[in-house]
Protein backbone atom coordinates (compact mmCIF):
# COMPACT_ATOMS: atom_id res chain seq x y z
CA MET A 1 28.43 -62.42 -14.10
CA ALA A 2 28.45 -59.47 -13.86
CA ARG A 3 25.56 -56.73 -12.86
CA VAL A 4 25.76 -54.04 -15.21
CA THR A 5 24.05 -50.86 -15.78
CA VAL A 6 24.30 -48.77 -19.27
CA ILE A 7 23.71 -45.35 -19.15
CA THR A 8 22.89 -43.92 -22.48
CA HIS A 9 20.76 -41.31 -25.02
CA ASP A 10 21.35 -43.50 -28.04
CA LEU A 11 19.23 -46.42 -29.24
CA ASP A 12 21.43 -48.57 -31.24
CA THR A 13 24.28 -47.51 -28.59
CA ARG A 14 21.93 -49.18 -25.45
CA LEU A 15 20.99 -51.75 -28.53
CA GLU A 16 24.54 -53.06 -29.36
CA THR A 17 25.40 -52.92 -25.53
CA LEU A 18 22.63 -55.27 -24.36
CA ALA A 19 23.16 -57.71 -27.71
CA ALA A 20 26.89 -57.89 -26.89
CA LEU A 21 26.69 -58.94 -22.73
CA GLU A 22 23.49 -61.26 -23.99
CA GLY A 23 23.51 -64.12 -21.07
CA GLY A 24 26.83 -63.90 -19.55
CA HIS A 25 25.59 -60.84 -17.49
CA ASP A 26 22.72 -58.96 -15.61
CA VAL A 27 21.98 -55.81 -17.68
CA CYS A 28 20.02 -52.75 -16.87
CA ALA A 29 19.67 -50.36 -19.33
CA TYR A 30 18.87 -46.81 -18.36
CA LEU A 31 18.03 -43.35 -19.99
CA PRO A 32 20.02 -40.08 -19.22
CA GLY A 33 18.52 -37.91 -16.11
CA ALA A 34 17.01 -41.95 -14.27
CA PRO A 35 16.71 -41.29 -10.11
CA LEU A 36 19.58 -42.80 -8.18
CA GLN A 37 17.78 -44.60 -6.08
CA GLN A 38 16.84 -47.04 -9.13
CA LEU A 39 19.55 -46.81 -10.11
CA ARG A 40 21.43 -47.67 -7.00
CA ALA A 41 19.13 -50.50 -6.58
CA HIS A 42 20.55 -52.86 -9.64
CA GLN A 43 23.90 -53.11 -6.92
CA PRO A 44 26.34 -52.29 -10.65
CA ASP A 45 28.82 -54.12 -10.71
CA VAL A 46 30.37 -51.74 -13.49
CA VAL A 47 28.26 -49.06 -14.85
CA ILE A 48 28.48 -48.09 -18.76
CA VAL A 49 28.24 -44.42 -19.48
CA ASP A 50 28.05 -42.92 -23.22
CA ALA A 51 29.91 -39.95 -23.38
CA PRO A 52 27.53 -36.75 -24.07
CA VAL A 53 25.54 -38.09 -21.08
CA LEU A 54 28.36 -36.74 -18.70
CA ASP A 55 28.61 -33.21 -20.81
CA GLU A 56 24.75 -32.55 -19.50
CA PRO A 57 24.20 -31.20 -15.88
CA GLY A 58 25.57 -32.68 -13.24
CA GLY A 59 26.61 -35.38 -15.73
CA THR A 60 30.24 -36.03 -15.17
CA SER A 61 28.70 -36.70 -11.08
CA LEU A 62 27.86 -40.20 -12.80
CA LEU A 63 31.96 -40.92 -12.83
CA ASP A 64 32.16 -40.66 -9.00
CA ALA A 65 31.29 -44.11 -8.14
CA THR A 66 30.55 -43.22 -4.87
CA THR A 67 27.21 -42.06 -5.46
CA LEU A 68 26.14 -45.56 -7.00
CA VAL A 69 26.24 -46.99 -4.04
CA ASP A 70 22.89 -48.06 -1.91
CA GLN A 71 23.85 -47.04 2.12
CA ASP A 72 21.16 -48.93 3.04
CA ALA A 73 21.74 -52.21 1.40
CA PRO A 74 22.56 -55.34 3.48
CA GLY A 75 26.29 -55.94 3.68
CA ARG A 76 28.91 -53.66 2.48
CA GLN A 77 29.25 -52.32 -1.41
CA ARG A 78 32.28 -51.70 -3.49
CA PRO A 79 31.51 -48.37 -6.01
CA PRO A 80 31.05 -50.15 -9.57
CA ALA A 81 33.51 -49.68 -12.29
CA VAL A 82 32.84 -46.27 -14.55
CA LEU A 83 33.32 -47.51 -18.59
CA VAL A 84 33.45 -44.53 -20.83
CA LEU A 85 31.80 -44.25 -24.34
CA LEU A 86 33.87 -42.24 -26.78
CA ALA A 87 32.69 -41.58 -30.06
CA GLU A 88 35.81 -41.81 -32.38
CA GLY A 89 38.59 -38.62 -32.35
CA GLU A 90 36.80 -38.44 -28.61
CA GLU A 91 40.07 -39.65 -27.20
CA ALA A 92 42.25 -36.38 -25.83
CA GLN A 93 38.77 -36.23 -23.38
CA ILE A 94 39.18 -39.82 -21.70
CA VAL A 95 42.18 -37.59 -19.79
CA ALA A 96 39.55 -35.27 -17.68
CA TYR A 97 37.38 -38.77 -17.15
CA PHE A 98 39.73 -39.92 -15.99
CA GLU A 99 41.05 -37.71 -13.47
CA ALA A 100 36.90 -37.67 -12.76
CA GLY A 101 37.18 -40.54 -10.85
CA ALA A 102 36.60 -43.17 -14.64
CA ASP A 103 38.42 -46.59 -14.88
CA ASP A 104 38.89 -47.41 -17.97
CA TYR A 105 36.87 -46.33 -21.95
CA LEU A 106 36.06 -48.08 -25.37
CA VAL A 107 35.77 -46.10 -28.47
CA LYS A 108 32.52 -46.75 -30.37
CA PRO A 109 31.49 -48.90 -32.70
CA PHE A 110 33.26 -51.42 -30.45
CA GLY A 111 33.10 -55.20 -31.10
CA ARG A 112 31.33 -57.26 -28.93
CA ARG A 113 34.20 -59.61 -27.78
CA HIS A 114 36.11 -56.51 -27.09
CA LEU A 115 33.32 -55.34 -25.08
CA ARG A 116 33.30 -58.26 -22.72
CA ALA A 117 36.99 -58.35 -22.11
CA LYS A 118 36.41 -54.91 -20.84
CA ILE A 119 33.91 -55.76 -18.52
CA GLU A 120 35.54 -59.22 -17.45
CA GLY A 121 38.96 -56.94 -16.70
CA LEU A 122 37.57 -54.40 -15.50
CA GLN A 123 35.24 -56.99 -12.44
CA ALA A 124 38.67 -58.39 -12.23
CA VAL A 125 40.29 -56.11 -11.51
CA ARG A 126 37.50 -54.31 -8.64
CA LEU A 127 37.15 -57.29 -7.03
CA GLY A 128 40.89 -57.66 -6.00
CA LEU A 129 41.65 -61.02 -8.46
CA LEU A 130 44.48 -60.09 -10.71
CA ASP A 131 47.07 -58.31 -7.93
CA THR A 132 48.63 -59.76 -4.85
CA ALA A 133 50.53 -58.99 -2.04
CA ALA A 134 54.17 -60.04 -4.34
CA HIS A 135 53.98 -58.59 -7.09
CA ASP A 136 54.05 -54.29 -7.26
CA PRO A 137 51.47 -53.36 -10.50
CA ILE A 138 53.33 -50.59 -11.03
CA ALA A 139 56.74 -51.26 -10.88
CA ILE A 140 58.07 -50.28 -14.62
CA SER A 141 60.60 -47.25 -15.53
CA ASP A 142 59.38 -44.90 -18.53
CA GLU A 143 62.48 -46.75 -19.40
CA GLY A 144 61.88 -50.38 -19.33
CA VAL A 145 63.15 -51.84 -16.73
CA ILE A 146 61.31 -54.41 -14.56
CA MET A 147 61.62 -52.46 -11.15
CA ASN A 148 60.29 -55.68 -9.16
CA PRO A 149 62.82 -56.88 -6.85
CA GLU A 150 61.49 -60.44 -7.84
CA PHE A 151 61.44 -59.83 -11.25
CA ASP A 152 63.45 -62.55 -13.12
CA GLU A 153 64.82 -63.17 -16.95
CA ASP A 154 63.46 -67.07 -16.39
CA GLY A 155 60.30 -66.52 -15.28
CA GLY A 156 59.54 -63.74 -13.25
CA HIS A 157 57.38 -61.02 -13.87
CA THR A 158 55.08 -57.95 -12.88
CA GLN A 159 51.72 -56.91 -13.21
CA LEU A 160 49.73 -54.22 -15.07
CA GLY A 161 46.05 -54.39 -13.92
CA ARG A 162 45.15 -58.05 -15.93
CA TYR A 163 48.77 -57.51 -17.83
CA SER A 164 51.60 -60.05 -16.36
CA ILE A 165 54.40 -58.47 -18.08
CA ARG A 166 57.40 -60.99 -19.21
CA GLY A 167 60.12 -57.92 -20.58
CA MET A 168 60.21 -55.31 -22.82
CA LEU A 169 60.42 -55.17 -26.66
CA GLY A 170 60.87 -51.59 -27.59
CA ARG A 171 60.49 -47.94 -26.82
CA GLY A 172 59.40 -44.68 -28.46
CA GLY A 173 58.90 -40.95 -27.77
CA TYR A 174 55.85 -41.71 -26.87
CA GLY A 175 55.64 -44.80 -24.39
CA VAL A 176 57.78 -48.23 -23.98
CA VAL A 177 56.37 -51.50 -25.46
CA TYR A 178 55.99 -54.69 -23.55
CA ARG A 179 55.56 -58.58 -24.26
CA ALA A 180 52.72 -59.28 -21.82
CA TRP A 181 50.40 -62.08 -20.71
CA ASP A 182 46.92 -60.93 -20.61
CA VAL A 183 45.09 -62.94 -17.67
CA ALA A 184 41.53 -62.94 -19.11
CA MET A 185 41.92 -63.63 -22.39
CA GLY A 186 45.32 -65.89 -21.89
CA ARG A 187 46.95 -64.60 -24.63
CA GLU A 188 50.52 -63.05 -25.16
CA VAL A 189 50.23 -59.31 -26.34
CA ALA A 190 52.06 -56.32 -26.64
CA LEU A 191 51.39 -53.71 -23.82
CA LYS A 192 52.62 -49.79 -24.95
CA VAL A 193 52.67 -47.87 -21.99
CA LEU A 194 52.86 -44.39 -21.86
CA PRO A 195 55.49 -42.50 -19.80
CA LYS A 196 54.46 -40.59 -16.57
CA GLU A 197 56.66 -37.62 -17.24
CA MET A 198 53.85 -36.99 -20.72
CA HIS A 199 50.64 -37.64 -18.01
CA HIS A 200 51.47 -34.30 -17.90
CA ASP A 201 51.58 -33.23 -21.65
CA ASN A 202 47.82 -32.71 -23.20
CA GLU A 203 49.20 -32.83 -26.26
CA ALA A 204 51.54 -36.23 -25.46
CA VAL A 205 48.49 -37.83 -23.97
CA ALA A 206 46.20 -36.75 -26.39
CA ARG A 207 48.99 -38.11 -29.40
CA PHE A 208 48.57 -41.28 -27.64
CA PHE A 209 44.78 -42.00 -27.41
CA ARG A 210 45.02 -41.14 -31.10
CA GLU A 211 47.17 -43.80 -32.53
CA ALA A 212 45.38 -46.24 -30.44
CA SER A 213 41.73 -45.52 -32.24
CA ALA A 214 43.98 -45.14 -35.45
CA ILE A 215 45.01 -48.36 -35.04
CA SER A 216 41.09 -50.10 -33.46
CA ARG A 217 40.36 -49.01 -37.00
CA LEU A 218 42.77 -50.49 -38.73
CA HIS A 219 41.62 -54.34 -40.24
CA HIS A 220 44.29 -55.96 -42.38
CA PRO A 221 46.42 -59.26 -42.54
CA ASN A 222 49.55 -57.18 -42.65
CA ILE A 223 48.58 -54.04 -39.99
CA VAL A 224 48.85 -55.80 -36.39
CA GLN A 225 46.20 -56.42 -34.73
CA PHE A 226 44.48 -53.80 -31.75
CA TYR A 227 43.58 -55.19 -28.52
CA GLU A 228 42.35 -52.57 -26.01
CA VAL A 229 43.15 -49.39 -24.31
CA GLY A 230 43.16 -48.33 -20.69
CA ASN A 231 44.05 -47.11 -17.70
CA TYR A 232 45.10 -48.65 -15.04
CA GLN A 233 46.04 -46.90 -11.61
CA GLY A 234 47.56 -44.07 -13.36
CA ARG A 235 48.98 -45.72 -15.97
CA TYR A 236 47.89 -45.29 -19.37
CA TYR A 237 48.31 -47.84 -21.97
CA PHE A 238 46.95 -49.70 -24.93
CA THR A 239 47.63 -53.15 -26.66
CA MET A 240 48.30 -54.73 -29.84
CA GLU A 241 48.80 -58.13 -31.61
CA LEU A 242 52.19 -59.52 -30.81
CA LEU A 243 54.26 -60.66 -33.66
CA GLU A 244 57.31 -62.48 -33.34
CA GLY A 245 59.91 -62.33 -35.63
CA GLU A 246 62.14 -60.40 -36.46
CA THR A 247 62.23 -56.57 -38.65
CA LEU A 248 62.87 -55.65 -41.39
CA LYS A 249 66.02 -53.52 -40.88
CA LYS A 250 67.48 -56.36 -39.26
CA ILE A 251 67.47 -58.99 -42.31
CA ALA A 252 68.98 -56.28 -44.51
CA GLU A 253 71.82 -55.90 -42.29
CA ARG A 254 72.36 -59.08 -42.61
CA GLU A 255 71.93 -60.50 -45.74
CA ALA A 256 71.57 -57.10 -48.07
CA PRO A 257 71.97 -56.35 -50.28
CA LEU A 258 68.66 -58.01 -50.67
CA ASP A 259 67.73 -59.92 -54.58
CA PRO A 260 65.16 -57.64 -56.19
CA ARG A 261 62.27 -59.62 -56.60
CA ARG A 262 62.50 -60.48 -52.59
CA ALA A 263 62.87 -56.73 -51.71
CA ALA A 264 59.97 -56.22 -54.40
CA ARG A 265 57.63 -58.46 -52.38
CA TYR A 266 58.84 -56.47 -49.05
CA VAL A 267 57.50 -52.95 -50.79
CA ALA A 268 54.56 -54.36 -52.36
CA GLU A 269 53.16 -55.51 -48.72
CA ILE A 270 54.36 -52.77 -47.64
CA ALA A 271 52.36 -50.58 -49.92
CA LYS A 272 48.98 -53.05 -49.30
CA ALA A 273 49.33 -51.58 -45.63
CA LEU A 274 49.80 -48.70 -46.42
CA GLY A 275 46.68 -47.91 -48.96
CA ALA A 276 44.77 -49.86 -45.59
CA ILE A 277 45.71 -47.62 -43.26
CA ASN A 278 45.03 -44.43 -46.01
CA SER A 279 41.74 -46.15 -46.91
CA ILE A 280 40.47 -44.28 -44.23
CA GLY A 281 42.10 -41.44 -44.03
CA LEU A 282 45.58 -41.98 -41.65
CA VAL A 283 48.70 -41.73 -43.16
CA HIS A 284 51.53 -43.12 -40.99
CA ARG A 285 54.20 -40.48 -40.48
CA ASP A 286 57.32 -43.35 -39.45
CA ILE A 287 57.99 -46.05 -42.11
CA LYS A 288 61.13 -47.56 -41.41
CA PRO A 289 62.74 -50.53 -41.93
CA GLU A 290 62.23 -51.68 -37.82
CA ASN A 291 58.94 -50.91 -38.33
CA VAL A 292 58.26 -53.13 -40.13
């Protein structure tokens, strides 16, 4: 169980957060401007801050977790992890929040299970439960090479936060995609990591987070399910459902020409997915057989 402090003006956000964490965590909600001593008294493990609060005078000081540690409390306290809540379309702001001290973010509206997973993951990392001396958490190159010397194809792995990386699935212009195991949720995922060389390119970072936000808004059987987006030790990432099987490109190369009725079924299913994307005002600009 984690002690969670929520700071927001918005009543709906406050109620939804309390409902999501009810029963599993000790949660206190405060209005912005609450005295620091009052916030410290709760001795939070995780602080959830609504982004509009950070735009107020002195608001970004909440991202410095050390200010929320009660120096007079008995025993040694670890600074809390800080989770920022953003509205859709504001993903580009998270870069500045990360630089100011935020540990992770979540886009509203959020699912209750998603929020609980964020809290559990932040708490596990904060307590050092997912890292070991044998694993370099950032031992992956931007070309998708596992750089940990103990890695091998028969079972070795490295870590990125709560994700145990099992190998590379593919690489594109805006990231490397890995097969990974989510230790907290107990499932395999596709983990996309933004190359380090792009971290100083504001447009690339914004595009990376916009992609994550777009996927998170889609719920359709023909579209991969989005899980979470975050930052771990300076590496930006997001995770999705891991699908097994072949791409349409591989099938076509092996079996071309395809039976017209079979090809029509493929086109119909692709059209359904594109219809779902269009229904929320988005356009997919990279439809090709290797992406199906």
